[in-house]
Amino acid sequence: MRLALALLLLANPATAQLAAPLGNPDGCARILGQEATKENEVAIVAGHLNLHGAICQITAVQTGTLMATCPGDAEARKQVLGITRSADGTGVTLTLPDGSVEDLAPCE
């Protein structure tokens, strides 16, 4: 339930600051101010998706889908990713546009 609330909050940037950041190891390292490989980092924080160094604004979260607007040319700007609750229920699993999967856990 808490994760569902966090994802709903992520869809609304005005209230996203209430949601806990989620990330893969490099994404959490970057959020925590540690060394990280930019090409590997994926994180969700404050209504934004950090996708391999690009900061994208989350525009919608619907059942099974996360939509974001990223910097770049018109073809790459709109991103649609799959999103599900992680197997342990503490985070989310994202399916990236290239088909790869990233497990995002709470950053602590």
PDB file of N, CA and C in Angstrom:
ATOM      1  N   MET A   1       0.829  -1.185   0.000  1.00  0.00           N
ATOM      2  CA  MET A   1       0.000   0.000   0.000  1.00  0.00           C
ATOM      3  C   MET A   1       0.875   1.250   0.000  1.00  0.00           C
ATOM      4  N   ARG A   2       1.919   1.258   0.831  1.00  0.00           N
ATOM      5  CA  ARG A   2       2.807   2.409   0.909  1.00  0.00           C
ATOM      6  C   ARG A   2       3.463   2.671  -0.440  1.00  0.00           C
ATOM      7  N   LEU A   3       3.863   1.608  -1.138  1.00  0.00           N
ATOM      8  CA  LEU A   3       4.493   1.763  -2.452  1.00  0.00           C
ATOM      9  C   LEU A   3       3.501   2.328  -3.448  1.00  0.00           C
ATOM     10  N   ALA A   4       2.274   1.853  -3.418  1.00  0.00           N
ATOM     11  CA  ALA A   4       1.260   2.376  -4.340  1.00  0.00           C
ATOM     12  C   ALA A   4       1.046   3.864  -4.101  1.00  0.00           C
ATOM     13  N   LEU A   5       1.011   4.277  -2.837  1.00  0.00           N
ATOM     14  CA  LEU A   5       0.866   5.688  -2.517  1.00  0.00           C
ATOM     15  C   LEU A   5       2.073   6.475  -3.020  1.00  0.00           C
ATOM     16  N   ALA A   6       3.260   5.930  -2.844  1.00  0.00           N
ATOM     17  CA  ALA A   6       4.467   6.605  -3.326  1.00  0.00           C
ATOM     18  C   ALA A   6       4.424   6.779  -4.831  1.00  0.00           C
ATOM     19  N   LEU A   7       3.990   5.761  -5.561  1.00  0.00           N
ATOM     20  CA  LEU A   7       3.917   5.873  -7.018  1.00  0.00           C
ATOM     21  C   LEU A   7       2.867   6.891  -7.445  1.00  0.00           C
ATOM     22  N   LEU A   8       1.749   6.944  -6.743  1.00  0.00           N
ATOM     23  CA  LEU A   8       0.755   7.960  -7.065  1.00  0.00           C
ATOM     24  C   LEU A   8       1.306   9.351  -6.804  1.00  0.00           C
ATOM     25  N   LEU A   9       2.055   9.497  -5.733  1.00  0.00           N
ATOM     26  CA  LEU A   9       2.660  10.789  -5.433  1.00  0.00           C
ATOM     27  C   LEU A   9       3.701  11.170  -6.471  1.00  0.00           C
ATOM     28  N   LEU A  10       4.404  10.178  -7.005  1.00  0.00           N
ATOM     29  CA  LEU A  10       5.404  10.459  -8.024  1.00  0.00           C
ATOM     30  C   LEU A  10       4.763  11.018  -9.291  1.00  0.00           C
ATOM     31  N   ALA A  11       3.528  10.676  -9.546  1.00  0.00           N
ATOM     32  CA  ALA A  11       2.854  11.179 -10.739  1.00  0.00           C
ATOM     33  C   ALA A  11       2.510  12.660 -10.608  1.00  0.00           C
ATOM     34  N   ASN A  12       2.513  13.173  -9.400  1.00  0.00           N
ATOM     35  CA  ASN A  12       2.203  14.575  -9.162  1.00  0.00           C
ATOM     36  C   ASN A  12       3.427  15.248  -8.567  1.00  0.00           C
ATOM     37  N   PRO A  13       4.216  15.995  -9.363  1.00  0.00           N
ATOM     38  CA  PRO A  13       5.444  16.602  -8.878  1.00  0.00           C
ATOM     39  C   PRO A  13       5.257  17.483  -7.660  1.00  0.00           C
ATOM     40  N   ALA A  14       4.104  18.104  -7.474  1.00  0.00           N
ATOM     41  CA  ALA A  14       3.897  18.987  -6.332  1.00  0.00           C
ATOM     42  C   ALA A  14       3.929  18.230  -5.010  1.00  0.00           C
ATOM     43  N   THR A  15       3.524  16.964  -5.020  1.00  0.00           N
ATOM     44  CA  THR A  15       3.520  16.184  -3.775  1.00  0.00           C
ATOM     45  C   THR A  15       4.593  15.113  -3.760  1.00  0.00           C
ATOM     46  N   ALA A  16       5.421  15.064  -4.772  1.00  0.00           N
ATOM     47  CA  ALA A  16       6.397  13.983  -4.891  1.00  0.00           C
ATOM     48  C   ALA A  16       7.453  14.016  -3.804  1.00  0.00           C
ATOM     49  N   GLN A  17       7.685  15.168  -3.182  1.00  0.00           N
ATOM     50  CA  GLN A  17       8.702  15.247  -2.146  1.00  0.00           C
ATOM     51  C   GLN A  17       8.390  14.341  -0.967  1.00  0.00           C
ATOM     52  N   LEU A  18       7.130  13.884  -0.845  1.00  0.00           N
ATOM     53  CA  LEU A  18       6.754  12.994   0.243  1.00  0.00           C
ATOM     54  C   LEU A  18       7.177  11.551  -0.008  1.00  0.00           C
ATOM     55  N   ALA A  19       7.468  11.207  -1.240  1.00  0.00           N
ATOM     56  CA  ALA A  19       7.816   9.834  -1.592  1.00  0.00           C
ATOM     57  C   ALA A  19       9.298   9.569  -1.319  1.00  0.00           C
ATOM     58  N   ALA A  20       9.602   8.366  -0.853  1.00  0.00           N
ATOM     59  CA  ALA A  20      10.989   7.983  -0.613  1.00  0.00           C
ATOM     60  C   ALA A  20      11.678   7.680  -1.932  1.00  0.00           C
ATOM     61  N   PRO A  21      12.952   8.076  -2.075  1.00  0.00           N
ATOM     62  CA  PRO A  21      13.664   7.771  -3.319  1.00  0.00           C
ATOM     63  C   PRO A  21      13.896   6.271  -3.482  1.00  0.00           C
ATOM     64  N   LEU A  22      13.815   5.819  -4.723  1.00  0.00           N
ATOM     65  CA  LEU A  22      14.080   4.432  -5.086  1.00  0.00           C
ATOM     66  C   LEU A  22      15.183   4.431  -6.131  1.00  0.00           C
ATOM     67  N   GLY A  23      16.055   3.426  -6.119  1.00  0.00           N
ATOM     68  CA  GLY A  23      17.084   3.375  -7.139  1.00  0.00           C
ATOM     69  C   GLY A  23      17.783   2.033  -7.205  1.00  0.00           C
ATOM     70  N   ASN A  24      18.531   1.842  -8.309  1.00  0.00           N
ATOM     71  CA  ASN A  24      19.432   0.705  -8.390  1.00  0.00           C
ATOM     72  C   ASN A  24      20.696   1.115  -7.618  1.00  0.00           C
ATOM     73  N   PRO A  25      21.686   0.261  -7.461  1.00  0.00           N
ATOM     74  CA  PRO A  25      22.855   0.633  -6.654  1.00  0.00           C
ATOM     75  C   PRO A  25      23.523   1.942  -7.100  1.00  0.00           C
ATOM     76  N   ASP A  26      23.721   2.143  -8.408  1.00  0.00           N
ATOM     77  CA  ASP A  26      24.343   3.383  -8.865  1.00  0.00           C
ATOM     78  C   ASP A  26      23.403   4.575  -8.692  1.00  0.00           C
ATOM     79  N   GLY A  27      22.103   4.365  -8.896  1.00  0.00           N
ATOM     80  CA  GLY A  27      21.133   5.440  -8.705  1.00  0.00           C
ATOM     81  C   GLY A  27      21.090   5.912  -7.260  1.00  0.00           C
ATOM     82  N   CYS A  28      21.071   4.977  -6.317  1.00  0.00           N
ATOM     83  CA  CYS A  28      21.074   5.339  -4.902  1.00  0.00           C
ATOM     84  C   CYS A  28      22.394   5.998  -4.512  1.00  0.00           C
ATOM     85  N   ALA A  29      23.495   5.505  -5.040  1.00  0.00           N
ATOM     86  CA  ALA A  29      24.797   6.115  -4.733  1.00  0.00           C
ATOM     87  C   ALA A  29      24.800   7.581  -5.155  1.00  0.00           C
ATOM     88  N   ARG A  30      24.298   7.878  -6.345  1.00  0.00           N
ATOM     89  CA  ARG A  30      24.250   9.262  -6.831  1.00  0.00           C
ATOM     90  C   ARG A  30      23.377  10.116  -5.922  1.00  0.00           C
ATOM     91  N   ILE A  31      22.198   9.594  -5.533  1.00  0.00           N
ATOM     92  CA  ILE A  31      21.284  10.322  -4.648  1.00  0.00           C
ATOM     93  C   ILE A  31      21.954  10.618  -3.308  1.00  0.00           C
ATOM     94  N   LEU A  32      22.732   9.666  -2.815  1.00  0.00           N
ATOM     95  CA  LEU A  32      23.390   9.816  -1.515  1.00  0.00           C
ATOM     96  C   LEU A  32      24.719  10.569  -1.606  1.00  0.00           C
ATOM     97  N   GLY A  33      25.053  11.079  -2.791  1.00  0.00           N
ATOM     98  CA  GLY A  33      26.263  11.875  -2.961  1.00  0.00           C
ATOM     99  C   GLY A  33      27.542  11.064  -3.055  1.00  0.00           C
ATOM    100  N   GLN A  34      27.424   9.794  -3.420  1.00  0.00           N
ATOM    101  CA  GLN A  34      28.590   8.927  -3.535  1.00  0.00           C
ATOM    102  C   GLN A  34      28.957   8.749  -4.997  1.00  0.00           C
ATOM    103  N   GLU A  35      30.103   8.136  -5.241  1.00  0.00           N
ATOM    104  CA  GLU A  35      30.554   7.852  -6.608  1.00  0.00           C
ATOM    105  C   GLU A  35      29.579   6.879  -7.273  1.00  0.00           C
ATOM    106  N   ALA A  36      29.257   7.147  -8.540  1.00  0.00           N
ATOM    107  CA  ALA A  36      28.359   6.275  -9.289  1.00  0.00           C
ATOM    108  C   ALA A  36      28.713   6.355 -10.764  1.00  0.00           C
ATOM    109  N   THR A  37      28.402   5.298 -11.479  1.00  0.00           N
ATOM    110  CA  THR A  37      28.597   5.275 -12.928  1.00  0.00           C
ATOM    111  C   THR A  37      27.329   5.809 -13.569  1.00  0.00           C
ATOM    112  N   LYS A  38      27.426   6.987 -14.195  1.00  0.00           N
ATOM    113  CA  LYS A  38      26.267   7.675 -14.755  1.00  0.00           C
ATOM    114  C   LYS A  38      25.505   6.807 -15.754  1.00  0.00           C
ATOM    115  N   GLU A  39      26.210   6.028 -16.558  1.00  0.00           N
ATOM    116  CA  GLU A  39      25.565   5.196 -17.570  1.00  0.00           C
ATOM    117  C   GLU A  39      24.726   4.079 -16.966  1.00  0.00           C
ATOM    118  N   ASN A  40      24.971   3.740 -15.692  1.00  0.00           N
ATOM    119  CA  ASN A  40      24.250   2.643 -15.038  1.00  0.00           C
ATOM    120  C   ASN A  40      23.150   3.107 -14.096  1.00  0.00           C
ATOM    121  N   GLU A  41      23.124   4.381 -13.752  1.00  0.00           N
ATOM    122  CA  GLU A  41      22.206   4.807 -12.700  1.00  0.00           C
ATOM    123  C   GLU A  41      20.766   4.950 -13.185  1.00  0.00           C
ATOM    124  N   VAL A  42      19.858   4.429 -12.358  1.00  0.00           N
ATOM    125  CA  VAL A  42      18.427   4.558 -12.564  1.00  0.00           C
ATOM    126  C   VAL A  42      17.825   4.812 -11.186  1.00  0.00           C
ATOM    127  N   ALA A  43      17.043   5.883 -11.059  1.00  0.00           N
ATOM    128  CA  ALA A  43      16.439   6.217  -9.769  1.00  0.00           C
ATOM    129  C   ALA A  43      15.158   7.003  -9.993  1.00  0.00           C
ATOM    130  N   ILE A  44      14.273   6.925  -9.013  1.00  0.00           N
ATOM    131  CA  ILE A  44      13.051   7.723  -8.992  1.00  0.00           C
ATOM    132  C   ILE A  44      13.091   8.544  -7.710  1.00  0.00           C
ATOM    133  N   VAL A  45      13.000   9.866  -7.867  1.00  0.00           N
ATOM    134  CA  VAL A  45      13.001  10.752  -6.704  1.00  0.00           C
ATOM    135  C   VAL A  45      12.286  12.056  -7.065  1.00  0.00           C
ATOM    136  N   ALA A  46      11.459  12.513  -6.161  1.00  0.00           N
ATOM    137  CA  ALA A  46      10.791  13.811  -6.266  1.00  0.00           C
ATOM    138  C   ALA A  46      10.146  14.054  -7.634  1.00  0.00           C
ATOM    139  N   GLY A  47       9.382  13.084  -8.123  1.00  0.00           N
ATOM    140  CA  GLY A  47       8.667  13.253  -9.384  1.00  0.00           C
ATOM    141  C   GLY A  47       9.534  13.191 -10.617  1.00  0.00           C
ATOM    142  N   HIS A  48      10.750  12.708 -10.455  1.00  0.00           N
ATOM    143  CA  HIS A  48      11.689  12.621 -11.570  1.00  0.00           C
ATOM    144  C   HIS A  48      12.277  11.224 -11.677  1.00  0.00           C
ATOM    145  N   LEU A  49      12.640  10.867 -12.887  1.00  0.00           N
ATOM    146  CA  LEU A  49      13.311   9.613 -13.183  1.00  0.00           C
ATOM    147  C   LEU A  49      14.712   9.947 -13.648  1.00  0.00           C
ATOM    148  N   ASN A  50      15.721   9.463 -12.939  1.00  0.00           N
ATOM    149  CA  ASN A  50      17.098   9.620 -13.377  1.00  0.00           C
ATOM    150  C   ASN A  50      17.412   8.371 -14.190  1.00  0.00           C
ATOM    151  N   LEU A  51      17.514   8.537 -15.492  1.00  0.00           N
ATOM    152  CA  LEU A  51      17.696   7.416 -16.396  1.00  0.00           C
ATOM    153  C   LEU A  51      19.040   7.544 -17.095  1.00  0.00           C
ATOM    154  N   HIS A  52      20.031   6.842 -16.574  1.00  0.00           N
ATOM    155  CA  HIS A  52      21.377   6.828 -17.153  1.00  0.00           C
ATOM    156  C   HIS A  52      21.939   8.236 -17.304  1.00  0.00           C
ATOM    157  N   GLY A  53      21.764   9.060 -16.262  1.00  0.00           N
ATOM    158  CA  GLY A  53      22.319  10.404 -16.249  1.00  0.00           C
ATOM    159  C   GLY A  53      21.384  11.481 -16.758  1.00  0.00           C
ATOM    160  N   ALA A  54      20.315  11.125 -17.439  1.00  0.00           N
ATOM    161  CA  ALA A  54      19.330  12.105 -17.904  1.00  0.00           C
ATOM    162  C   ALA A  54      18.252  12.262 -16.836  1.00  0.00           C
ATOM    163  N   ILE A  55      17.921  13.493 -16.496  1.00  0.00           N
ATOM    164  CA  ILE A  55      16.874  13.749 -15.522  1.00  0.00           C
ATOM    165  C   ILE A  55      15.569  13.977 -16.280  1.00  0.00           C
ATOM    166  N   CYS A  56      14.618  13.068 -16.086  1.00  0.00           N
ATOM    167  CA  CYS A  56      13.350  13.093 -16.802  1.00  0.00           C
ATOM    168  C   CYS A  56      12.227  13.412 -15.814  1.00  0.00           C
ATOM    169  N   GLN A  57      11.242  14.171 -16.245  1.00  0.00           N
ATOM    170  CA  GLN A  57      10.092  14.452 -15.407  1.00  0.00           C
ATOM    171  C   GLN A  57       9.051  13.360 -15.616  1.00  0.00           C
ATOM    172  N   ILE A  58       8.593  12.764 -14.517  1.00  0.00           N
ATOM    173  CA  ILE A  58       7.543  11.757 -14.599  1.00  0.00           C
ATOM    174  C   ILE A  58       6.232  12.478 -14.891  1.00  0.00           C
ATOM    175  N   THR A  59       5.583  12.093 -15.965  1.00  0.00           N
ATOM    176  CA  THR A  59       4.337  12.748 -16.362  1.00  0.00           C
ATOM    177  C   THR A  59       3.103  11.945 -15.986  1.00  0.00           C
ATOM    178  N   ALA A  60       3.234  10.638 -15.834  1.00  0.00           N
ATOM    179  CA  ALA A  60       2.081   9.813 -15.446  1.00  0.00           C
ATOM    180  C   ALA A  60       2.558   8.444 -14.981  1.00  0.00           C
ATOM    181  N   VAL A  61       1.810   7.888 -14.038  1.00  0.00           N
ATOM    182  CA  VAL A  61       1.993   6.503 -13.620  1.00  0.00           C
ATOM    183  C   VAL A  61       0.615   5.875 -13.681  1.00  0.00           C
ATOM    184  N   GLN A  62       0.475   4.891 -14.562  1.00  0.00           N
ATOM    185  CA  GLN A  62      -0.779   4.169 -14.703  1.00  0.00           C
ATOM    186  C   GLN A  62      -0.493   2.704 -14.442  1.00  0.00           C
ATOM    187  N   THR A  63      -1.495   1.892 -14.397  1.00  0.00           N
ATOM    188  CA  THR A  63      -1.307   0.476 -14.131  1.00  0.00           C
ATOM    189  C   THR A  63      -0.286  -0.118 -15.092  1.00  0.00           C
ATOM    190  N   GLY A  64       0.859  -0.492 -14.556  1.00  0.00           N
ATOM    191  CA  GLY A  64       1.895  -1.150 -15.340  1.00  0.00           C
ATOM    192  C   GLY A  64       2.730  -0.258 -16.226  1.00  0.00           C
ATOM    193  N   THR A  65       2.506   1.074 -16.197  1.00  0.00           N
ATOM    194  CA  THR A  65       3.226   1.967 -17.100  1.00  0.00           C
ATOM    195  C   THR A  65       3.659   3.242 -16.380  1.00  0.00           C
ATOM    196  N   LEU A  66       4.894   3.643 -16.620  1.00  0.00           N
ATOM    197  CA  LEU A  66       5.417   4.922 -16.154  1.00  0.00           C
ATOM    198  C   LEU A  66       5.805   5.715 -17.393  1.00  0.00           C
ATOM    199  N   MET A  67       5.321   6.946 -17.490  1.00  0.00           N
ATOM    200  CA  MET A  67       5.648   7.801 -18.629  1.00  0.00           C
ATOM    201  C   MET A  67       6.452   8.988 -18.133  1.00  0.00           C
ATOM    202  N   ALA A  68       7.482   9.356 -18.902  1.00  0.00           N
ATOM    203  CA  ALA A  68       8.356  10.452 -18.512  1.00  0.00           C
ATOM    204  C   ALA A  68       8.774  11.245 -19.738  1.00  0.00           C
ATOM    205  N   THR A  69       9.075  12.520 -19.511  1.00  0.00           N
ATOM    206  CA  THR A  69       9.606  13.384 -20.557  1.00  0.00           C
ATOM    207  C   THR A  69      11.061  13.667 -20.209  1.00  0.00           C
ATOM    208  N   CYS A  70      11.956  13.354 -21.141  1.00  0.00           N
ATOM    209  CA  CYS A  70      13.399  13.467 -20.928  1.00  0.00           C
ATOM    210  C   CYS A  70      13.983  14.545 -21.834  1.00  0.00           C
ATOM    211  N   PRO A  71      15.176  15.042 -21.498  1.00  0.00           N
ATOM    212  CA  PRO A  71      15.837  15.981 -22.398  1.00  0.00           C
ATOM    213  C   PRO A  71      16.294  15.252 -23.667  1.00  0.00           C
ATOM    214  N   GLY A  72      16.443  15.988 -24.746  1.00  0.00           N
ATOM    215  CA  GLY A  72      16.927  15.378 -25.980  1.00  0.00           C
ATOM    216  C   GLY A  72      16.054  15.724 -27.160  1.00  0.00           C
ATOM    217  N   ASP A  73      16.338  15.086 -28.274  1.00  0.00           N
ATOM    218  CA  ASP A  73      15.570  15.373 -29.488  1.00  0.00           C
ATOM    219  C   ASP A  73      14.156  14.803 -29.373  1.00  0.00           C
ATOM    220  N   ALA A  74      13.289  15.222 -30.264  1.00  0.00           N
ATOM    221  CA  ALA A  74      11.871  14.862 -30.198  1.00  0.00           C
ATOM    222  C   ALA A  74      11.634  13.358 -30.174  1.00  0.00           C
ATOM    223  N   GLU A  75      12.455  12.596 -30.892  1.00  0.00           N
ATOM    224  CA  GLU A  75      12.266  11.140 -30.942  1.00  0.00           C
ATOM    225  C   GLU A  75      12.549  10.465 -29.612  1.00  0.00           C
ATOM    226  N   ALA A  76      13.502  10.986 -28.847  1.00  0.00           N
ATOM    227  CA  ALA A  76      13.904  10.359 -27.587  1.00  0.00           C
ATOM    228  C   ALA A  76      13.255  11.002 -26.367  1.00  0.00           C
ATOM    229  N   ARG A  77      12.526  12.083 -26.548  1.00  0.00           N
ATOM    230  CA  ARG A  77      12.007  12.856 -25.419  1.00  0.00           C
ATOM    231  C   ARG A  77      10.982  12.087 -24.586  1.00  0.00           C
ATOM    232  N   LYS A  78      10.015  11.452 -25.202  1.00  0.00           N
ATOM    233  CA  LYS A  78       8.964  10.722 -24.483  1.00  0.00           C
ATOM    234  C   LYS A  78       9.428   9.297 -24.210  1.00  0.00           C
ATOM    235  N   GLN A  79       9.421   8.916 -22.951  1.00  0.00           N
ATOM    236  CA  GLN A  79       9.820   7.573 -22.554  1.00  0.00           C
ATOM    237  C   GLN A  79       8.632   6.863 -21.915  1.00  0.00           C
ATOM    238  N   VAL A  80       8.407   5.626 -22.310  1.00  0.00           N
ATOM    239  CA  VAL A  80       7.353   4.794 -21.713  1.00  0.00           C
ATOM    240  C   VAL A  80       8.042   3.545 -21.178  1.00  0.00           C
ATOM    241  N   LEU A  81       7.902   3.321 -19.876  1.00  0.00           N
ATOM    242  CA  LEU A  81       8.545   2.192 -19.212  1.00  0.00           C
ATOM    243  C   LEU A  81       7.486   1.341 -18.528  1.00  0.00           C
ATOM    244  N   GLY A  82       7.751   0.055 -18.419  1.00  0.00           N
ATOM    245  CA  GLY A  82       6.896  -0.814 -17.628  1.00  0.00           C
ATOM    246  C   GLY A  82       7.259  -0.651 -16.166  1.00  0.00           C
ATOM    247  N   ILE A  83       6.284  -0.743 -15.286  1.00  0.00           N
ATOM    248  CA  ILE A  83       6.559  -0.633 -13.850  1.00  0.00           C
ATOM    249  C   ILE A  83       5.671  -1.608 -13.090  1.00  0.00           C
ATOM    250  N   THR A  84       6.287  -2.364 -12.193  1.00  0.00           N
ATOM    251  CA  THR A  84       5.565  -3.292 -11.325  1.00  0.00           C
ATOM    252  C   THR A  84       6.182  -3.241  -9.945  1.00  0.00           C
ATOM    253  N   ARG A  85       5.449  -3.704  -8.982  1.00  0.00           N
ATOM    254  CA  ARG A  85       5.981  -3.807  -7.623  1.00  0.00           C
ATOM    255  C   ARG A  85       7.059  -4.882  -7.617  1.00  0.00           C
ATOM    256  N   SER A  86       8.140  -4.664  -6.895  1.00  0.00           N
ATOM    257  CA  SER A  86       9.207  -5.661  -6.828  1.00  0.00           C
ATOM    258  C   SER A  86       8.708  -6.904  -6.097  1.00  0.00           C
ATOM    259  N   ALA A  87       9.398  -8.007  -6.296  1.00  0.00           N
ATOM    260  CA  ALA A  87       8.989  -9.287  -5.709  1.00  0.00           C
ATOM    261  C   ALA A  87       8.884  -9.213  -4.188  1.00  0.00           C
ATOM    262  N   ASP A  88       9.776  -8.449  -3.538  1.00  0.00           N
ATOM    263  CA  ASP A  88       9.735  -8.358  -2.075  1.00  0.00           C
ATOM    264  C   ASP A  88       8.793  -7.265  -1.577  1.00  0.00           C
ATOM    265  N   GLY A  89       8.202  -6.485  -2.495  1.00  0.00           N
ATOM    266  CA  GLY A  89       7.221  -5.472  -2.122  1.00  0.00           C
ATOM    267  C   GLY A  89       7.787  -4.171  -1.609  1.00  0.00           C
ATOM    268  N   THR A  90       9.106  -4.019  -1.552  1.00  0.00           N
ATOM    269  CA  THR A  90       9.690  -2.798  -1.008  1.00  0.00           C
ATOM    270  C   THR A  90      10.037  -1.759  -2.061  1.00  0.00           C
ATOM    271  N   GLY A  91      10.102  -2.158  -3.304  1.00  0.00           N
ATOM    272  CA  GLY A  91      10.492  -1.241  -4.374  1.00  0.00           C
ATOM    273  C   GLY A  91       9.685  -1.508  -5.623  1.00  0.00           C
ATOM    274  N   VAL A  92      10.288  -1.166  -6.764  1.00  0.00           N
ATOM    275  CA  VAL A  92       9.628  -1.386  -8.048  1.00  0.00           C
ATOM    276  C   VAL A  92      10.614  -2.006  -9.027  1.00  0.00           C
ATOM    277  N   THR A  93      10.068  -2.630 -10.049  1.00  0.00           N
ATOM    278  CA  THR A  93      10.862  -3.141 -11.152  1.00  0.00           C
ATOM    279  C   THR A  93      10.444  -2.363 -12.393  1.00  0.00           C
ATOM    280  N   LEU A  94      11.423  -1.736 -13.051  1.00  0.00           N
ATOM    281  CA  LEU A  94      11.167  -0.991 -14.276  1.00  0.00           C
ATOM    282  C   LEU A  94      11.634  -1.799 -15.470  1.00  0.00           C
ATOM    283  N   THR A  95      10.837  -1.807 -16.518  1.00  0.00           N
ATOM    284  CA  THR A  95      11.260  -2.362 -17.798  1.00  0.00           C
ATOM    285  C   THR A  95      11.539  -1.170 -18.697  1.00  0.00           C
ATOM    286  N   LEU A  96      12.806  -0.996 -19.075  1.00  0.00           N
ATOM    287  CA  LEU A  96      13.236   0.145 -19.860  1.00  0.00           C
ATOM    288  C   LEU A  96      12.842  -0.034 -21.323  1.00  0.00           C
ATOM    289  N   PRO A  97      12.831   1.068 -22.090  1.00  0.00           N
ATOM    290  CA  PRO A  97      12.434   0.981 -23.498  1.00  0.00           C
ATOM    291  C   PRO A  97      13.230  -0.038 -24.315  1.00  0.00           C
ATOM    292  N   ASP A  98      14.486  -0.305 -23.931  1.00  0.00           N
ATOM    293  CA  ASP A  98      15.285  -1.283 -24.675  1.00  0.00           C
ATOM    294  C   ASP A  98      15.011  -2.723 -24.240  1.00  0.00           C
ATOM    295  N   GLY A  99      14.082  -2.908 -23.280  1.00  0.00           N
ATOM    296  CA  GLY A  99      13.723  -4.240 -22.809  1.00  0.00           C
ATOM    297  C   GLY A  99      14.484  -4.696 -21.583  1.00  0.00           C
ATOM    298  N   SER A 100      15.519  -3.961 -21.177  1.00  0.00           N
ATOM    299  CA  SER A 100      16.252  -4.339 -19.978  1.00  0.00           C
ATOM    300  C   SER A 100      15.411  -4.042 -18.740  1.00  0.00           C
ATOM    301  N   VAL A 101      15.733  -4.719 -17.646  1.00  0.00           N
ATOM    302  CA  VAL A 101      14.965  -4.608 -16.412  1.00  0.00           C
ATOM    303  C   VAL A 101      15.870  -4.070 -15.317  1.00  0.00           C
ATOM    304  N   GLU A 102      15.325  -3.121 -14.544  1.00  0.00           N
ATOM    305  CA  GLU A 102      16.046  -2.548 -13.404  1.00  0.00           C
ATOM    306  C   GLU A 102      15.184  -2.696 -12.157  1.00  0.00           C
ATOM    307  N   ASP A 103      15.758  -3.268 -11.097  1.00  0.00           N
ATOM    308  CA  ASP A 103      15.084  -3.351  -9.806  1.00  0.00           C
ATOM    309  C   ASP A 103      15.503  -2.148  -8.986  1.00  0.00           C
ATOM    310  N   LEU A 104      14.513  -1.369  -8.531  1.00  0.00           N
ATOM    311  CA  LEU A 104      14.776  -0.174  -7.737  1.00  0.00           C
ATOM    312  C   LEU A 104      14.290  -0.419  -6.318  1.00  0.00           C
ATOM    313  N   ALA A 105      15.194  -0.235  -5.366  1.00  0.00           N
ATOM    314  CA  ALA A 105      14.899  -0.441  -3.951  1.00  0.00           C
ATOM    315  C   ALA A 105      14.996   0.907  -3.239  1.00  0.00           C
ATOM    316  N   PRO A 106      14.420   1.015  -2.041  1.00  0.00           N
ATOM    317  CA  PRO A 106      14.541   2.267  -1.291  1.00  0.00           C
ATOM    318  C   PRO A 106      16.019   2.610  -1.051  1.00  0.00           C
ATOM    319  N   CYS A 107      16.359   3.860  -1.243  1.00  0.00           N
ATOM    320  CA  CYS A 107      17.732   4.325  -1.013  1.00  0.00           C
ATOM    321  C   CYS A 107      17.873   4.696   0.455  1.00  0.00           C
ATOM    322  N   GLU A 108      18.801   4.072   1.128  1.00  0.00           N
ATOM    323  CA  GLU A 108      19.002   4.323   2.569  1.00  0.00           C
ATOM    324  C   GLU A 108      20.413   4.710   2.839  1.00  0.00           C
TER     325      GLU A 108
END
